[in-house]
Protein backbone atom coordinates (compact mmCIF):
# COMPACT_ATOMS: atom_id res chain seq x y z
CA MET A 1 0.06 -0.03 0.01
CA LEU A 2 2.84 2.38 0.40
CA ALA A 3 3.39 2.69 -3.26
CA THR A 4 -0.13 3.82 -3.92
CA HIS A 5 0.11 6.33 -1.05
CA CYS A 6 3.39 7.81 -2.48
CA ILE A 7 1.70 8.05 -5.81
CA ILE A 8 -1.38 10.21 -4.60
CA THR A 9 1.01 12.26 -2.64
CA ILE A 10 3.22 13.26 -5.76
CA ILE A 11 0.13 13.51 -8.13
CA SER A 12 -1.88 15.72 -5.64
CA SER A 13 1.21 17.86 -4.98
CA SER A 14 1.49 18.44 -8.75
CA LEU A 15 -2.26 19.24 -8.93
CA TYR A 16 -2.25 21.70 -5.97
CA LYS A 17 1.12 23.16 -7.26
CA GLU A 18 -0.71 24.27 -10.48
CA ALA A 19 -3.41 25.78 -8.42
CA LYS A 20 -0.69 27.69 -6.43
CA THR A 21 -1.95 26.24 -3.07
CA ASP A 22 -0.41 23.97 -0.56
CA ASN A 23 -0.97 20.15 -0.82
CA PRO A 24 -3.12 19.00 2.10
CA VAL A 25 -1.87 15.42 1.84
CA ASN A 26 0.99 14.66 4.35
CA PHE A 27 1.89 11.92 6.70
CA ALA A 28 0.03 13.42 9.63
CA ASN A 29 -3.21 13.78 7.82
CA TRP A 30 -2.86 10.39 6.28
CA LEU A 31 -2.41 8.82 9.64
CA ALA A 32 -5.51 10.43 10.88
CA LEU A 33 -7.32 8.96 7.94
CA GLY A 34 -5.57 5.60 7.70
CA VAL A 35 -5.35 4.41 11.39
CA PRO A 36 -9.04 4.31 12.24
CA MET A 37 -9.76 2.65 8.86
CA SER A 38 -7.00 -0.01 9.12
CA VAL A 39 -7.94 -1.00 12.68
CA THR A 40 -11.64 -1.26 11.68
CA LEU A 41 -11.02 -3.25 8.50
CA VAL A 42 -8.53 -5.59 10.22
CA LEU A 43 -11.19 -6.35 13.05
CA ALA A 44 -13.84 -6.84 10.39
CA LEU A 45 -11.56 -9.10 8.36
CA TRP A 46 -10.74 -11.24 11.42
CA LEU A 47 -14.45 -11.56 12.28
CA TRP A 48 -15.38 -12.49 8.74
CA MET A 49 -12.53 -15.05 8.62
CA GLN A 50 -13.84 -16.73 11.78
CA LEU A 51 -17.36 -16.88 10.48
CA TYR A 52 -16.29 -18.09 7.05
CA MET A 53 -13.77 -20.80 8.35
CA GLU A 54 -15.64 -22.05 11.34
CA GLY A 55 -19.27 -20.82 11.00
CA LEU A 56 -21.44 -19.56 13.77
CA GLY A 57 -19.89 -21.90 16.21
CA CYS A 58 -16.94 -19.44 16.47
CA LEU A 59 -19.10 -17.20 18.56
CA LYS A 60 -19.14 -19.76 21.31
CA PHE A 61 -15.43 -19.25 22.04
CA TRP A 62 -15.77 -20.61 25.57
CA LYS A 63 -16.70 -24.03 24.18
CA ARG A 64 -14.04 -24.07 21.48
CA ASP A 65 -11.40 -26.83 21.28
CA THR A 66 -8.15 -24.94 21.79
CA THR A 67 -5.82 -27.90 21.01
CA ASN A 68 -4.80 -26.71 17.71
CA TYR A 69 -4.48 -23.09 18.93
CA ASP A 70 -2.10 -24.31 21.67
CA LYS A 71 0.11 -26.06 19.13
CA VAL A 72 0.32 -22.88 17.02
CA LYS A 73 1.40 -21.00 20.23
CA VAL A 74 4.23 -23.60 20.86
CA VAL A 75 5.49 -23.16 17.30
CA LEU A 76 5.41 -19.36 17.45
CA ARG A 77 7.10 -19.30 20.85
CA ARG A 78 9.79 -21.60 19.51
CA GLU A 79 10.43 -19.56 16.41
CA TYR A 80 10.50 -16.36 18.56
CA VAL A 81 13.11 -17.81 21.00
CA SER A 82 15.23 -18.95 18.07
CA LEU A 83 15.60 -15.38 16.95
CA GLY A 84 17.57 -14.52 20.05
CA SER A 85 17.96 -11.00 21.27
CA MET A 86 18.20 -7.92 19.14
CA SER A 87 21.70 -7.07 17.89
CA TYR A 88 23.23 -3.67 17.94
CA ALA A 89 22.68 -3.37 14.15
CA GLU A 90 18.95 -4.23 14.55
CA LYS A 91 18.48 -1.81 17.35
CA SER A 92 20.07 0.89 15.46
CA VAL A 93 18.07 0.30 12.27
CA ALA A 94 14.85 0.27 14.43
CA ILE A 95 15.78 3.55 16.06
CA CYS A 96 16.49 5.11 12.66
CA PHE A 97 13.19 3.97 11.35
CA VAL A 98 11.32 5.46 14.30
CA ILE A 99 13.14 8.77 13.98
CA MET A 100 12.41 8.78 10.22
CA ALA A 101 8.69 8.17 10.91
CA LEU A 102 8.62 10.93 13.53
CA LEU A 103 10.27 13.29 11.12
CA TRP A 104 7.61 12.50 8.51
CA ILE A 105 4.75 13.12 10.76
CA THR A 106 6.17 16.27 12.53
CA ARG A 107 7.33 18.01 9.34
CA LYS A 108 3.86 19.45 8.76
CA PRO A 109 1.36 18.18 11.33
CA GLY A 110 -1.21 20.68 10.51
CA PHE A 111 -2.65 21.45 13.95
CA ILE A 112 0.75 22.95 15.17
CA PRO A 113 3.80 24.27 13.22
CA GLY A 114 6.23 21.53 12.25
CA TRP A 115 9.94 21.50 11.78
CA GLY A 116 9.42 22.11 8.16
CA ASP A 117 8.31 25.80 8.99
CA LEU A 118 11.90 26.40 10.00
CA PHE A 119 12.93 26.30 6.34
CA LYS A 120 11.93 28.26 3.26
CA PRO A 121 8.52 27.08 1.67
CA LYS A 122 8.96 24.00 -0.30
CA TYR A 123 12.59 23.80 0.61
CA VAL A 124 12.11 20.41 2.45
CA GLY A 125 9.66 17.56 1.71
CA ASP A 126 8.82 14.00 2.68
CA SER A 127 11.95 12.76 0.86
CA THR A 128 14.22 14.72 3.03
CA PRO A 129 13.90 12.54 6.09
CA ALA A 130 14.24 9.37 3.96
CA ILE A 131 17.39 10.73 2.33
CA LEU A 132 18.82 11.93 5.73
CA ILE A 133 18.30 8.51 7.43
CA SER A 134 19.83 6.80 4.47
CA ILE A 135 23.01 8.73 4.77
CA VAL A 136 23.01 8.04 8.45
CA LEU A 137 22.86 4.27 7.87
CA PHE A 138 25.85 4.61 5.50
CA ILE A 139 27.77 6.22 8.56
CA LEU A 140 26.79 4.35 11.59
CA PRO A 141 28.94 1.27 12.47
CA ALA A 142 27.38 -2.24 12.24
CA LYS A 143 28.47 -3.14 15.83
CA ALA A 144 28.77 -1.20 19.06
CA PRO A 145 31.75 1.21 18.79
CA TRP A 146 32.71 0.62 22.36
CA ARG A 147 33.72 -2.93 21.58
CA THR A 148 37.54 -2.99 21.62
CA CYS A 149 39.70 -4.72 19.18
CA ASP A 150 40.79 -7.29 21.97
CA LYS A 151 37.24 -8.47 22.52
CA VAL A 152 36.76 -8.96 18.66
CA ALA A 153 40.07 -10.79 18.42
CA ARG A 154 39.09 -13.22 21.37
CA GLU A 155 35.81 -13.82 19.64
CA GLU A 156 37.47 -14.69 16.38
CA GLN A 157 40.00 -16.89 18.10
CA GLN A 158 37.17 -18.80 19.94
CA SER A 159 35.10 -19.24 16.82
CA GLY A 160 38.07 -20.61 14.87
CA ASP A 161 37.80 -18.19 11.95
CA GLU A 162 40.42 -18.42 9.27
CA GLU A 163 42.59 -15.37 8.53
CA GLU A 164 41.00 -12.97 6.16
CA PRO A 165 42.62 -10.00 4.10
CA SER A 166 42.51 -6.90 5.99
CA GLY A 167 40.18 -5.45 3.36
CA GLN A 168 37.56 -7.96 4.54
CA ARG A 169 38.30 -7.97 8.11
CA GLU A 170 36.51 -4.78 8.72
CA VAL A 171 33.20 -6.17 7.66
CA GLU A 172 33.85 -9.71 9.28
CA THR A 173 34.67 -8.16 12.62
CA GLY A 174 31.63 -5.91 12.61
CA TYR A 175 33.43 -2.47 12.01
CA GLY A 176 31.75 -2.07 8.77
CA LYS A 177 28.71 0.26 8.29
CA LEU A 178 25.02 -0.62 8.71
CA LEU A 179 24.58 -0.05 5.02
CA ASP A 180 26.95 -0.15 2.11
CA TRP A 181 26.54 0.35 -1.70
CA THR A 182 27.13 -3.30 -2.35
CA THR A 183 24.18 -4.27 -0.37
CA VAL A 184 22.09 -1.54 -1.77
CA ASN A 185 23.00 -2.39 -5.34
CA ASN A 186 22.37 -6.11 -4.99
CA ARG A 187 19.23 -6.03 -2.80
CA LEU A 188 17.34 -2.87 -3.46
CA SER A 189 14.15 -3.48 -5.46
CA TRP A 190 15.12 -1.42 -8.49
CA ASN A 191 12.06 -2.83 -10.42
CA VAL A 192 9.82 -1.04 -7.86
CA LEU A 193 11.57 2.26 -8.51
CA LEU A 194 11.30 1.78 -12.21
CA LEU A 195 7.58 0.82 -11.87
CA MET A 196 6.80 3.89 -9.85
CA GLY A 197 8.87 6.20 -12.04
CA GLY A 198 7.07 4.83 -15.14
CA GLY A 199 3.82 5.30 -13.33
CA PHE A 200 4.65 9.06 -12.59
CA ALA A 201 5.61 9.45 -16.38
CA LEU A 202 2.26 7.84 -17.41
CA ALA A 203 0.49 10.18 -15.06
CA THR A 204 2.27 13.23 -16.43
CA GLY A 205 1.67 12.06 -20.01
CA CYS A 206 -2.10 11.56 -19.28
CA GLU A 207 -2.32 15.11 -17.84
CA ARG A 208 -0.23 16.99 -20.38
CA SER A 209 -1.64 15.16 -23.42
CA GLY A 210 -5.25 16.04 -22.41
CA LEU A 211 -6.21 12.41 -21.89
CA SER A 212 -7.24 13.12 -18.28
CA ALA A 213 -9.30 16.25 -19.33
CA TRP A 214 -10.85 14.26 -22.21
CA VAL A 215 -11.91 11.33 -20.03
CA SER A 216 -13.30 13.63 -17.28
CA SER A 217 -15.27 15.57 -19.91
CA ASN A 218 -16.85 12.34 -20.94
CA LEU A 219 -17.71 11.59 -17.37
CA SER A 220 -19.66 15.02 -17.03
CA GLY A 221 -22.85 13.10 -16.88
CA LEU A 222 -21.83 12.05 -13.30
CA SER A 223 -22.26 15.68 -12.18
CA ASP A 224 -26.06 14.96 -12.06
CA LEU A 225 -25.38 12.46 -9.30
CA PRO A 226 -24.80 13.22 -5.67
CA THR A 227 -21.13 13.39 -4.69
CA TRP A 228 -21.36 10.58 -2.26
CA THR A 229 -22.96 8.36 -4.97
CA VAL A 230 -20.14 9.05 -7.37
CA THR A 231 -17.47 8.34 -4.79
CA LEU A 232 -19.13 5.15 -3.72
CA LEU A 233 -19.31 3.98 -7.47
CA LEU A 234 -15.72 4.84 -8.04
CA SER A 235 -14.77 2.98 -4.79
CA VAL A 236 -16.45 -0.19 -5.85
CA THR A 237 -15.32 -0.18 -9.46
CA ILE A 238 -11.71 0.56 -8.56
CA ALA A 239 -11.78 -2.17 -5.84
CA HIS A 240 -12.70 -4.68 -8.57
CA VAL A 241 -10.38 -3.32 -11.23
CA THR A 242 -7.34 -3.61 -9.03
CA GLU A 243 -7.93 -7.29 -8.81
CA VAL A 244 -6.59 -7.86 -12.22
CA THR A 245 -4.12 -5.00 -12.38
CA SER A 246 -1.29 -3.93 -10.12
CA ASN A 247 -2.17 -1.35 -7.33
CA SER A 248 0.42 1.12 -8.64
CA ALA A 249 -0.83 0.95 -12.13
CA THR A 250 -4.38 1.37 -11.17
CA THR A 251 -3.64 4.35 -8.92
CA THR A 252 -1.40 6.00 -11.36
CA LEU A 253 -4.08 5.69 -14.23
CA PHE A 254 -7.22 6.71 -12.42
CA VAL A 255 -6.16 9.25 -9.71
CA PRO A 256 -5.26 12.08 -12.28
CA ILE A 257 -8.48 11.34 -14.15
CA VAL A 258 -10.88 11.33 -11.06
CA GLY A 259 -9.01 14.50 -9.88
CA GLN A 260 -9.83 16.27 -13.09
CA THR A 261 -13.31 14.92 -12.96
CA ALA A 262 -13.81 16.32 -9.48
CA ILE A 263 -12.60 19.75 -10.45
CA GLY A 264 -14.96 19.79 -13.39
CA MET A 265 -17.78 19.03 -11.09
CA GLY A 266 -16.80 21.63 -8.58
CA VAL A 267 -15.96 19.02 -5.97
CA ASN A 268 -12.75 18.84 -3.73
CA PRO A 269 -10.47 16.49 -5.90
CA LEU A 270 -9.29 14.66 -2.82
CA THR A 271 -12.85 13.42 -2.47
CA PHE A 272 -12.37 11.10 -5.41
CA MET A 273 -8.49 10.71 -5.44
CA ILE A 274 -8.34 9.37 -1.82
CA ALA A 275 -11.23 7.04 -2.44
CA VAL A 276 -9.69 5.61 -5.55
CA THR A 277 -6.28 5.34 -3.82
CA ILE A 278 -7.70 3.39 -0.95
CA ALA A 279 -10.00 1.11 -3.15
CA SER A 280 -7.01 0.34 -5.36
CA SER A 281 -5.25 -1.22 -2.24
CA LEU A 282 -8.13 -3.69 -1.61
CA ALA A 283 -6.45 -6.22 -3.89
CA PHE A 284 -6.96 -9.48 -2.11
CA MET A 285 -9.39 -11.57 -4.29
CA LEU A 286 -7.02 -13.19 -6.82
CA PRO A 287 -3.39 -14.59 -6.62
CA VAL A 288 -2.35 -12.23 -9.35
CA ALA A 289 -3.52 -9.15 -7.61
CA THR A 290 -0.40 -8.65 -5.48
CA PRO A 291 2.70 -10.65 -4.66
CA PRO A 292 1.46 -11.37 -1.05
CA ASN A 293 -1.65 -13.07 -2.55
CA ALA A 294 0.59 -15.19 -4.84
CA ILE A 295 2.73 -16.25 -1.79
CA VAL A 296 -0.27 -17.28 0.20
CA PHE A 297 -1.77 -19.15 -2.78
CA ALA A 298 1.63 -20.93 -3.47
CA SER A 299 1.43 -22.51 -0.02
CA GLY A 300 -1.03 -25.07 -1.48
CA TYR A 301 -3.65 -24.80 1.30
CA LEU A 302 -6.01 -22.50 -0.62
CA LYS A 303 -7.72 -22.64 -3.95
CA ILE A 304 -8.65 -19.59 -6.19
CA THR A 305 -12.29 -20.38 -5.26
CA ASP A 306 -11.50 -19.98 -1.53
CA MET A 307 -10.01 -16.70 -2.09
CA PHE A 308 -12.78 -15.58 -4.26
CA LEU A 309 -15.69 -16.75 -2.02
CA PHE A 310 -13.85 -15.34 1.08
CA VAL A 311 -13.30 -11.85 -0.28
CA VAL A 312 -16.39 -11.09 -2.41
CA PRO A 313 -18.87 -10.61 0.51
CA GLY A 314 -16.34 -8.16 2.17
CA LEU A 315 -15.29 -6.34 -0.92
CA ILE A 316 -18.01 -3.98 -1.35
CA PRO A 317 -18.30 -3.10 2.30
CA SER A 318 -14.63 -2.40 2.40
CA SER A 319 -14.67 -0.15 -0.55
CA SER A 320 -17.78 1.56 0.93
CA PHE A 321 -15.92 2.06 4.22
CA SER A 322 -12.92 3.61 2.21
CA TYR A 323 -15.57 6.25 0.93
CA ARG A 324 -17.02 6.96 4.39
CA GLU A 325 -13.55 7.31 6.04
CA GLN A 326 -12.03 9.60 3.50
CA SER A 327 -15.11 11.80 3.33
CA SER A 328 -15.14 12.44 6.94
CA ASP A 329 -11.47 13.16 7.01
CA LEU A 330 -11.73 15.71 4.41
CA GLU A 331 -14.02 17.82 6.37
CA VAL A 332 -11.13 18.44 8.66
CA HIS A 333 -8.05 18.32 6.47
CA GLY A 334 -9.49 18.87 2.87
CA SER A 335 -9.07 21.70 0.52
CA SER A 336 -11.53 23.69 -1.53
CA LEU A 337 -9.52 23.42 -4.87
CA GLY A 338 -12.52 22.06 -6.60
CA GLN A 339 -14.86 24.76 -5.56
CA ALA A 340 -12.23 27.50 -6.25
CA GLY A 341 -11.75 26.11 -9.76
């Protein structure tokens, strides 16, 4: 879902930049929107899964046979113990991640001035904390700096490690960095960057070529319908389209179009754009929808019919909830771009 959220942030930023107004989409506002929705959908998903897999008998939890649950607990506990305690590197990365998240949220929280106000307008953005923390990871050591060379030497002697060239010993003994370019080059998902970059190019092409405006003009008949009806129809439609296309492609293609449609209707464009973004993330009906679906399906315990029958009854309520949640959030955080246009 992160890719779709980044896409709407960039597209909405471009849209509001043309209107010479600030983009209301930021991490703080998105948290206010996403956290209640995520918690509610997870609870609803858990309840529906219980009803689908075990029937109404799951409601009588005090009479349920817990033998299988106890076995699962034992396995989970064993796997957890096998992980051991967190290493210095793991703790450092976790702290860096928390700091980055806090920097994202506090840059422009909305209800109070953020640290972004200390700089010139548009001088810093959401990419600034990400780049800053990335640079820090290239600087911080992989092991605690207070560990002396003698301790490392004793550990190497006890483990019976063979003598390595001095150029490799820095990494082997833990005095390397948390992140190095070799790791980035080999393990970074460059295909994701290319996919998102191509998606942004597609969105820009649709906008500058006039395709978005042409499609929105052909949807002018929707202006006769109430805004909530149009938003609900878009949510349900996109939630089904994204089952056979990638989330990023669906968001990139439809968000600029529905944004222009909303402006033509005199409606806040975020009303449609956020609904489409959230609905495009509801891809859990087919194995081809997202890689996590394919991983679960590859386990062999599920059939396509199981995924289909499990998801269909909850797909429309989920997409409907995406409309209700974003519309209530816009009353607080929205912009009047559509009405101003």
